[in-house]
Protein backbone atom coordinates (compact mmCIF):
# COMPACT_ATOMS: atom_id res chain seq x y z
CA MET A 1 78.56 74.48 63.70
CA GLY A 2 78.55 76.67 66.81
CA ASN A 3 81.60 78.21 68.41
CA PRO A 4 84.55 75.77 68.20
CA TYR A 5 86.39 77.43 71.08
CA ARG A 6 83.44 76.94 73.42
CA ARG A 7 83.40 73.23 72.56
CA VAL A 8 87.10 73.00 73.45
CA HIS A 9 86.47 74.71 76.80
CA LYS A 10 83.68 72.23 77.57
CA LEU A 11 86.03 69.32 76.87
CA GLU A 12 88.65 70.88 79.15
CA ARG A 13 86.12 71.11 82.00
CA ARG A 14 85.10 67.49 81.56
CA ARG A 15 88.71 66.31 81.60
CA ALA A 16 89.47 68.38 84.69
CA GLY A 17 86.79 66.55 86.67
CA GLY A 18 86.07 67.44 90.30
CA TRP A 19 83.61 69.98 91.61
CA PRO A 20 82.63 72.90 89.38
CA THR A 21 84.53 76.10 90.00
CA GLY A 22 82.92 78.21 92.70
CA VAL A 23 80.95 75.55 94.58
CA LEU A 24 83.13 75.72 97.68
CA PRO A 25 83.04 79.55 97.98
CA VAL A 26 79.24 79.46 97.75
CA LEU A 27 79.05 76.78 100.46
CA ALA A 28 81.49 78.74 102.61
CA ALA A 29 79.43 81.91 102.19
CA ALA A 30 76.29 80.03 103.25
CA ALA A 31 78.08 78.79 106.37
CA ALA A 32 79.44 82.28 107.13
CA VAL A 33 76.09 84.12 106.94
CA PRO A 34 75.29 83.99 110.68
CA LEU A 35 78.88 84.87 111.56
CA VAL A 36 79.16 88.00 109.41
CA ARG A 37 75.68 89.44 110.10
CA PRO A 38 76.84 91.47 113.15
CA VAL A 39 79.58 93.03 111.02
CA LEU A 40 78.07 93.53 107.57
CA LEU A 41 74.39 93.95 108.43
CA SER A 42 74.34 95.70 111.79
CA PHE A 43 72.14 98.40 110.23
CA LEU A 44 69.20 95.99 110.42
CA GLU A 45 69.13 96.33 114.21
CA GLN A 46 69.75 100.08 114.01
CA GLY A 47 66.79 100.84 111.73
CA ARG A 48 68.95 102.31 108.92
CA LEU A 49 67.81 100.10 106.05
CA ALA A 50 68.25 102.58 103.17
CA GLY A 51 71.67 103.90 104.21
CA GLY A 52 72.87 100.45 105.20
CA MET A 53 71.88 98.87 101.90
CA ASP A 54 73.59 101.70 100.04
CA ALA A 55 76.82 101.10 101.98
CA ILE A 56 76.91 97.31 101.89
CA SER A 57 75.84 97.13 98.23
CA VAL A 58 78.59 99.43 97.02
CA ARG A 59 81.20 97.51 99.04
CA LEU A 60 80.13 94.13 97.71
CA GLY A 61 79.91 95.57 94.21
CA LEU A 62 83.45 96.93 94.43
CA VAL A 63 84.73 93.53 95.58
CA VAL A 64 83.06 91.92 92.57
CA ALA A 65 84.47 94.61 90.28
CA GLY A 66 88.02 94.12 91.57
CA ALA A 67 87.87 90.35 91.30
CA MET A 68 86.43 90.43 87.79
CA ALA A 69 89.01 92.98 86.63
CA LEU A 70 91.78 90.58 87.58
CA HIS A 71 89.96 87.54 86.17
CA THR A 72 89.22 89.14 82.80
CA TYR A 73 92.84 90.26 82.54
CA THR A 74 94.14 86.78 83.37
CA ASP A 75 91.74 84.95 81.08
CA LEU A 76 92.25 87.26 78.11
CA VAL A 77 95.85 88.47 78.30
CA ARG A 78 97.73 85.81 80.25
CA GLY A 79 95.31 82.90 79.97
CA PRO A 80 96.16 79.29 79.14
CA ASP A 81 94.65 79.61 75.65
CA ARG A 82 97.27 82.02 74.35
CA PRO A 83 100.39 79.79 74.32
CA VAL A 84 98.37 76.96 72.78
CA LEU A 85 96.66 79.02 70.07
CA ASP A 86 99.46 81.47 69.24
CA PRO A 87 101.05 79.27 66.53
CA HIS A 88 97.68 78.96 64.76
CA PRO A 89 95.31 81.36 62.99
CA VAL A 90 92.35 82.25 65.21
CA GLN A 91 88.95 83.88 64.86
CA PRO A 92 89.37 86.68 67.44
CA ARG A 93 85.67 87.48 67.92
CA ALA A 94 84.67 83.85 68.30
CA LEU A 95 87.56 83.26 70.69
CA LEU A 96 86.64 86.35 72.72
CA THR A 97 83.05 85.12 72.98
CA ALA A 98 84.22 81.71 74.19
CA ILE A 99 86.60 83.24 76.75
CA ALA A 100 83.86 85.55 78.00
CA ALA A 101 81.41 82.66 78.35
CA ARG A 102 83.96 80.63 80.30
CA THR A 103 84.86 83.57 82.53
CA ALA A 104 81.19 84.28 83.23
CA LEU A 105 80.48 80.66 84.12
CA GLU A 106 83.55 80.20 86.30
CA ARG A 107 82.99 83.50 88.17
CA LEU A 108 79.24 83.18 88.61
CA TYR A 109 79.89 82.39 92.25
CA LEU A 110 80.71 86.07 92.93
CA PRO A 111 77.12 87.42 92.71
CA LEU A 112 75.84 84.20 94.31
CA VAL A 113 78.07 84.78 97.34
CA CYS A 114 76.80 88.38 97.55
CA ALA A 115 73.20 87.16 97.43
CA LEU A 116 73.88 84.76 100.32
CA LEU A 117 75.62 87.37 102.45
CA LEU A 118 72.63 89.70 101.98
CA LEU A 119 70.09 86.95 102.71
CA PRO A 120 69.42 88.09 106.32
CA VAL A 121 68.00 91.32 104.87
CA GLY A 122 65.28 89.33 103.12
CA LEU A 123 64.73 87.02 106.09
CA ASP A 124 64.02 90.13 108.19
CA GLY A 125 61.17 90.91 105.82
CA HIS A 126 62.95 93.34 103.48
CA TRP A 127 62.85 91.24 100.32
CA VAL A 128 62.64 94.26 98.01
CA ALA A 129 65.82 95.68 99.57
CA TRP A 130 67.50 92.26 99.28
CA ALA A 131 66.56 92.05 95.58
CA GLY A 132 67.95 95.53 95.02
CA GLY A 133 71.25 94.65 96.71
CA VAL A 134 71.53 91.49 94.63
CA GLY A 135 70.76 93.60 91.56
CA VAL A 136 73.71 95.87 92.35
CA ALA A 137 76.04 92.85 92.71
CA VAL A 138 74.81 91.21 89.51
CA GLY A 139 75.09 94.54 87.69
CA ALA A 140 78.69 94.96 88.87
CA TRP A 141 79.45 91.42 87.67
CA LEU A 142 77.95 92.03 84.23
CA CYS A 143 79.54 95.46 83.97
CA ALA A 144 83.00 94.17 84.89
CA LEU A 145 82.69 91.36 82.37
CA GLY A 146 82.08 93.67 79.41
CA VAL A 147 84.21 96.60 80.55
CA GLY A 148 87.07 94.34 81.61
CA PHE A 149 87.54 92.81 78.18
CA ALA A 150 87.17 96.20 76.46
CA VAL A 151 89.71 97.91 78.72
CA HIS A 152 92.27 95.10 78.51
CA LEU A 153 92.05 94.96 74.74
CA GLY A 154 92.29 98.75 74.76
CA GLY A 155 95.41 98.41 76.92
CA VAL A 156 97.02 96.40 74.14
CA GLU A 157 96.30 99.26 71.74
CA ALA A 158 97.59 101.81 74.28
CA ALA A 159 100.85 99.86 74.67
CA ARG A 160 101.78 100.75 71.08
CA SER A 161 100.22 104.20 70.97
CA PRO A 162 102.75 107.00 70.32
CA GLY A 163 100.33 109.52 71.82
CA LEU A 164 100.33 107.75 75.20
CA ALA A 165 104.06 107.07 75.33
CA LYS A 166 104.88 110.06 77.57
CA ALA A 167 102.00 109.33 79.92
CA LEU A 168 103.08 105.70 80.28
CA ASP A 169 106.68 106.77 80.92
CA LEU A 170 105.44 108.83 83.89
CA VAL A 171 103.74 105.89 85.62
CA ARG A 172 105.62 102.81 84.48
CA GLY A 173 108.37 102.84 87.14
CA ASP A 174 110.80 99.98 86.47
CA ASN A 175 108.40 98.28 84.06
CA PRO A 176 108.72 98.35 80.28
CA ARG A 177 106.42 100.97 78.79
CA MET A 178 104.30 98.38 77.02
CA GLN A 179 103.79 96.42 80.22
CA ALA A 180 102.67 99.54 82.07
CA ALA A 181 99.64 99.79 79.79
CA LEU A 182 98.67 96.22 80.66
CA ILE A 183 99.43 96.58 84.39
CA TYR A 184 97.21 99.62 84.85
CA ALA A 185 94.35 98.34 82.70
CA PRO A 186 92.67 96.46 85.61
CA GLY A 187 92.75 99.67 87.65
CA VAL A 188 91.01 101.56 84.86
CA ALA A 189 88.39 98.81 84.65
CA VAL A 190 87.78 98.96 88.42
CA ALA A 191 87.44 102.75 88.26
CA LEU A 192 84.81 102.59 85.50
CA VAL A 193 82.85 99.72 87.03
CA GLY A 194 83.20 101.19 90.52
CA THR A 195 81.72 104.50 89.42
CA ALA A 196 78.70 102.81 87.84
CA THR A 197 78.28 100.54 90.87
CA THR A 198 78.43 103.48 93.28
CA LEU A 199 75.69 105.26 91.33
CA ALA A 200 73.58 102.10 91.33
CA ALA A 201 73.98 101.64 95.09
CA SER A 202 73.12 105.29 95.69
CA GLY A 203 70.04 104.86 93.53
CA LEU A 204 69.05 101.82 95.59
CA GLY A 205 69.39 103.81 98.81
CA GLY A 206 67.27 106.61 97.36
CA ALA A 207 64.65 104.17 96.08
CA LEU A 208 64.32 102.56 99.52
CA LYS A 209 63.67 106.06 100.91
CA GLY A 210 60.83 106.55 98.44
CA TRP A 211 62.60 108.14 95.47
CA THR A 212 61.20 105.95 92.69
CA PRO A 213 63.64 107.06 89.91
CA GLY A 214 66.43 105.51 92.01
CA TRP A 215 65.47 102.06 90.75
CA ALA A 216 66.50 103.11 87.24
CA PHE A 217 70.08 103.60 88.47
CA LEU A 218 70.39 99.83 88.88
CA ALA A 219 70.41 99.58 85.08
CA LEU A 220 73.58 101.71 84.75
CA PRO A 221 76.18 98.96 85.38
CA PRO A 222 74.63 96.40 82.98
CA ALA A 223 74.24 99.12 80.34
CA LEU A 224 77.90 100.09 80.70
CA GLY A 225 78.87 96.40 80.53
CA LEU A 226 76.91 95.97 77.31
CA LEU A 227 78.61 99.04 75.84
CA GLY A 228 82.00 97.62 76.84
CA TRP A 229 81.19 94.33 75.16
CA LEU A 230 80.13 96.07 71.94
CA ILE A 231 83.47 97.91 71.96
CA ALA A 232 85.48 94.78 72.82
CA ARG A 233 84.30 92.70 69.86
CA PRO A 234 85.77 94.88 67.09
CA LEU A 235 88.82 95.59 69.25
CA ALA A 236 89.52 91.86 69.42
CA ASP A 237 90.12 91.73 65.66
CA ARG A 238 93.17 93.99 66.06
CA ALA A 239 94.32 93.59 69.64
CA TYR A 240 94.11 89.89 70.52
CA VAL A 241 96.84 88.70 68.15
CA ARG A 242 98.85 91.90 68.65
CA ALA A 243 98.95 91.16 72.40
CA THR A 244 101.04 88.07 71.69
CA ALA A 245 103.80 90.13 70.11
CA ILE A 246 103.72 92.62 72.98
CA LEU A 247 103.88 89.90 75.64
CA THR A 248 106.74 88.18 73.82
CA GLU A 249 108.65 91.46 73.65
CA ILE A 250 108.05 92.14 77.37
CA ASP A 251 109.21 88.66 78.35
CA GLY A 252 112.25 89.10 76.14
CA MET A 253 113.15 92.34 77.94
CA TYR A 254 113.05 90.58 81.28
CA ALA A 255 114.99 87.60 79.97
CA GLY A 256 117.72 89.94 78.74
CA ARG A 257 118.46 91.32 82.18
CA ASP A 258 121.43 89.88 84.04
CA GLU A 259 120.84 88.25 87.42
CA PRO A 260 122.11 91.02 89.77
CA GLU A 261 120.11 93.69 87.98
CA GLU A 262 116.97 91.57 88.04
CA ALA A 263 117.39 90.83 91.74
CA ARG A 264 117.57 94.55 92.47
CA ALA A 265 114.53 95.28 90.33
CA VAL A 266 112.30 92.68 92.02
CA TYR A 267 110.06 93.80 94.88
CA LEU A 268 111.86 92.77 98.12
CA GLY A 269 114.44 90.99 95.97
CA TRP A 270 117.26 91.99 98.34
CA LEU A 271 115.85 89.55 100.90
CA GLY A 272 116.49 86.69 98.46
CA ARG A 273 120.26 87.16 98.21
CA GLY A 274 121.87 83.85 99.07
CA ARG A 275 118.46 82.18 99.26
CA PRO A 276 117.75 80.78 95.77
CA GLU A 277 114.26 79.42 96.52
CA LEU A 278 113.11 82.71 98.04
CA LEU A 279 114.66 84.74 95.22
CA ARG A 280 112.92 82.53 92.67
CA ALA A 281 109.57 83.04 94.43
CA LEU A 282 110.04 86.81 94.66
CA GLN A 283 111.07 87.03 91.00
CA GLN A 284 108.03 85.02 90.00
CA GLY A 285 105.83 87.32 92.06
CA GLY A 286 107.52 90.39 90.62
CA ARG A 287 106.70 89.27 87.08
CA ARG A 288 103.23 87.75 87.46
CA LEU A 289 101.73 88.96 90.74
CA ARG A 290 102.40 92.68 90.84
CA ALA A 291 98.73 93.41 91.45
CA TRP A 292 98.86 91.40 94.68
CA TYR A 293 101.59 93.27 96.50
CA GLY A 294 100.37 96.56 95.06
CA GLY A 295 96.88 95.74 96.28
CA ALA A 296 98.28 94.96 99.75
CA TRP A 297 99.46 98.56 100.10
CA LEU A 298 96.04 99.81 98.98
CA LEU A 299 94.43 97.63 101.66
CA GLY A 300 96.97 99.07 104.09
CA LEU A 301 95.66 102.54 103.26
CA VAL A 302 92.10 101.36 103.95
CA GLY A 303 93.21 99.81 107.25
CA ALA A 304 95.10 102.96 108.24
CA LEU A 305 92.02 105.10 107.59
CA ALA A 306 89.94 102.73 109.71
CA GLY A 307 92.52 102.70 112.51
CA TRP A 308 92.99 106.48 112.49
CA SER A 309 89.44 107.04 113.66
CA LYS A 310 88.85 107.81 117.35
CA ALA A 311 85.55 105.88 117.30
CA PRO A 312 85.30 103.02 119.85
CA GLU A 313 84.91 100.46 117.07
CA ALA A 314 87.96 101.69 115.10
CA THR A 315 90.28 98.98 116.39
CA GLY A 316 87.80 96.24 115.49
CA GLN A 317 87.26 97.66 112.01
CA ALA A 318 91.02 97.85 111.43
CA ALA A 319 91.30 94.25 112.58
CA LEU A 320 88.76 93.16 109.98
CA VAL A 321 90.75 94.85 107.22
CA VAL A 322 94.21 93.57 108.14
CA VAL A 323 93.12 90.04 109.04
CA GLY A 324 91.19 89.85 105.77
CA ALA A 325 94.18 91.22 103.87
CA ALA A 326 96.60 88.77 105.49
CA LEU A 327 94.36 85.81 104.71
CA LEU A 328 93.73 87.07 101.16
CA LEU A 329 97.48 87.34 100.51
CA GLY A 330 97.70 83.70 101.56
CA VAL A 331 96.54 82.85 98.05
CA VAL A 332 99.92 84.01 96.67
CA PRO A 333 101.66 80.60 97.09
CA ILE A 334 98.86 78.99 95.10
CA ARG A 335 99.19 81.57 92.33
CA MET A 336 102.95 80.95 92.26
CA ALA A 337 102.50 77.19 92.04
CA GLU A 338 99.79 77.13 89.39
CA GLY A 339 102.18 77.97 86.57
CA ASP A 340 104.81 75.39 87.49
CA PRO A 341 104.50 71.82 86.15
CA GLU A 342 104.80 69.12 88.78
CA TRP A 343 108.16 67.90 87.42
CA LEU A 344 109.85 71.32 87.52
CA ASP A 345 111.22 71.13 91.06
CA ARG A 346 112.67 67.67 90.43
CA TRP A 347 114.42 68.86 87.27
CA LEU A 348 115.79 71.96 89.02
CA GLY A 349 117.10 69.84 91.87
CA VAL A 350 115.43 71.90 94.62
CA LYS A 351 113.63 70.57 97.69
CA PRO A 352 109.84 70.93 97.49
CA LEU A 353 109.69 71.77 101.20
CA HIS A 354 112.09 74.68 100.71
CA VAL A 355 110.10 75.90 97.69
CA GLY A 356 106.84 75.80 99.66
CA ALA A 357 108.44 77.63 102.59
CA ALA A 358 109.79 80.31 100.23
CA ARG A 359 106.35 80.83 98.68
CA ALA A 360 104.72 81.07 102.11
CA LEU A 361 107.35 83.57 103.26
CA SER A 362 106.82 85.63 100.09
CA ALA A 363 103.08 85.81 100.78
CA TRP A 364 103.72 86.86 104.38
CA LEU A 365 106.16 89.55 103.22
CA TYR A 366 103.63 90.84 100.69
CA ALA A 367 101.03 91.09 103.48
CA GLN A 368 103.27 93.57 105.33
CA GLY A 369 102.11 96.18 102.83
CA ALA A 370 98.70 96.03 104.53
CA LEU A 371 99.91 95.53 108.08
CA ILE A 372 102.60 98.20 108.38
CA PRO A 373 100.44 101.27 107.53
CA THR A 374 97.55 99.99 109.64
CA GLY A 375 99.84 99.23 112.57
CA ALA A 376 101.39 102.69 112.40
CA ALA A 377 97.97 104.37 112.43
CA LEU A 378 96.77 102.25 115.37
CA LEU A 379 99.94 102.87 117.36
CA VAL A 380 99.72 106.65 116.96
CA ARG A 381 95.98 106.96 117.63
CA HIS A 382 95.28 104.14 120.10
CA GLY A 383 98.60 103.28 121.70
CA ILE A 384 100.51 100.08 122.24
CA GLY A 385 97.43 98.28 123.52
CA SER A 386 95.98 98.14 120.00
CA MET A 387 98.92 96.17 118.63
CA TRP A 388 97.10 92.90 119.33
CA VAL A 389 95.39 93.57 115.99
CA ILE A 390 98.69 93.41 114.10
CA GLY A 391 99.89 90.41 116.10
CA LEU A 392 96.71 88.51 115.28
CA ALA A 393 96.96 89.41 111.59
CA GLU A 394 100.65 88.45 111.45
CA ALA A 395 99.98 85.05 113.03
CA LEU A 396 96.93 84.23 110.92
CA GLY A 397 98.63 85.47 107.76
CA LEU A 398 101.67 83.27 108.34
CA VAL A 399 99.58 80.21 109.19
CA GLY A 400 97.34 80.81 106.17
CA ALA A 401 100.31 81.20 103.82
CA MET A 402 101.89 77.99 105.10
CA CYS A 403 98.63 76.07 104.69
CA ALA A 404 98.16 77.46 101.18
CA ALA A 405 101.72 76.52 100.21
CA GLY A 406 101.19 72.98 101.47
CA LEU A 407 97.90 72.65 99.59
CA ALA A 408 99.46 74.12 96.43
CA SER A 409 102.28 71.56 96.45
CA ARG A 410 99.64 68.84 96.15
CA TRP A 411 96.75 70.32 94.17
CA ARG A 412 98.25 73.35 92.37
CA VAL A 413 95.55 75.80 91.27
CA ARG A 414 92.73 73.68 92.72
CA ALA A 415 94.13 74.39 96.17
CA ALA A 416 92.43 77.80 96.00
CA TRP A 417 89.02 76.16 96.22
CA VAL A 418 90.03 74.58 99.54
CA TYR A 419 91.99 77.48 101.00
CA GLY A 420 89.51 80.20 99.96
CA PRO A 421 86.46 78.88 101.84
CA LEU A 422 88.56 78.03 104.91
CA ALA A 423 90.03 81.55 104.94
CA LEU A 424 86.55 83.08 104.55
CA LEU A 425 85.20 81.07 107.49
CA LEU A 426 88.21 82.01 109.63
CA TRP A 427 87.78 85.70 108.79
CA ALA A 428 84.07 85.49 109.60
CA ALA A 429 84.86 83.87 112.97
CA VAL A 430 87.37 86.64 113.78
CA ALA A 431 84.84 89.24 112.68
CA GLY A 432 82.23 87.82 115.01
CA GLU A 433 84.64 87.99 117.93
CA VAL A 434 86.15 91.45 117.44
CA MET A 435 82.84 93.20 116.71
CA THR A 436 80.91 91.79 119.67
């Protein structure tokens, strides 16, 4: 008979039509290879193959780990299957297997993009080093797949655990305790996968220096991913259905708040007073996109560390971080639009142009979490002359958010596969300019 859930997912893909998920990012990465070589692979000209491969492999692996942590959370906890299947009895293990297969297929482009970005290493004659770097990226992808599902199902268990109640109260902020367990689960997954990926990249660097046991370290991330998958399967029997009750209770808590209290609780909600479209966008972001504005501040910390250096290339490195962050946050309007049916704005009586502008403004405001810390560090260490970096990031971030909002109004979630490659090419072009 096979897995019935996998057959349903295949039918959904056929009905969706269009290009398979991930084709455009792979094509964009292929086009960006010559542009990003001076930035990502400068160690090839400097004769530092082992150290360079260690550094670039761990960075690419961490990007894959972060993306997969968010994707596994979305597909498992807040995915489109849950509201459809909740009224019916399900086979949790079979459903988990089908979700994992779909996630793996739809996110296969992540290691493929890494392989393309590392391709100049092989073309320079270092094919063994290229294969090792690809191995680190693939290992991070496999590790994040297994660990992500295990950690997110474990987060459901932690949400109801009396033993973790006090710990969750310490970190939950304005969130319900149960939601805190789900919010921080992707961070736990990134920490576990990141540790294994760092060890694998270090092993690759050692192996390229002649330390043969270093090659064995490349097996650590896949092994951890397999262990996570073996833990996730029995967890699914208890946690998948239980997650529905937890999510319903969380949504009920938010629905029970009155409007003024909710406006105060939303990130930057005070800016939406008297502006209903903007308040709606900020409230939607506050409920569904917390990881995005939280991640912006983490990127701001990375940019500030880069800008605080006195090295001649510090300004250029900070520019890469903040421009990349601003363009990445441009995806926010698309994420806001993907959950709204096309008829919603007509029924609410709002103007689509105002809604799109509010979403674009929300994305630009979220990006300030990356730009403000970086700008402060550059101003203190390099003076007013370095502020061109922030001006460039502000302009590109605003333009990117407006383009994404316009694309989202027409294509909804599919707009990401147009905006993403364009943003990647733009970032690569900026990288080529600022680092030369």
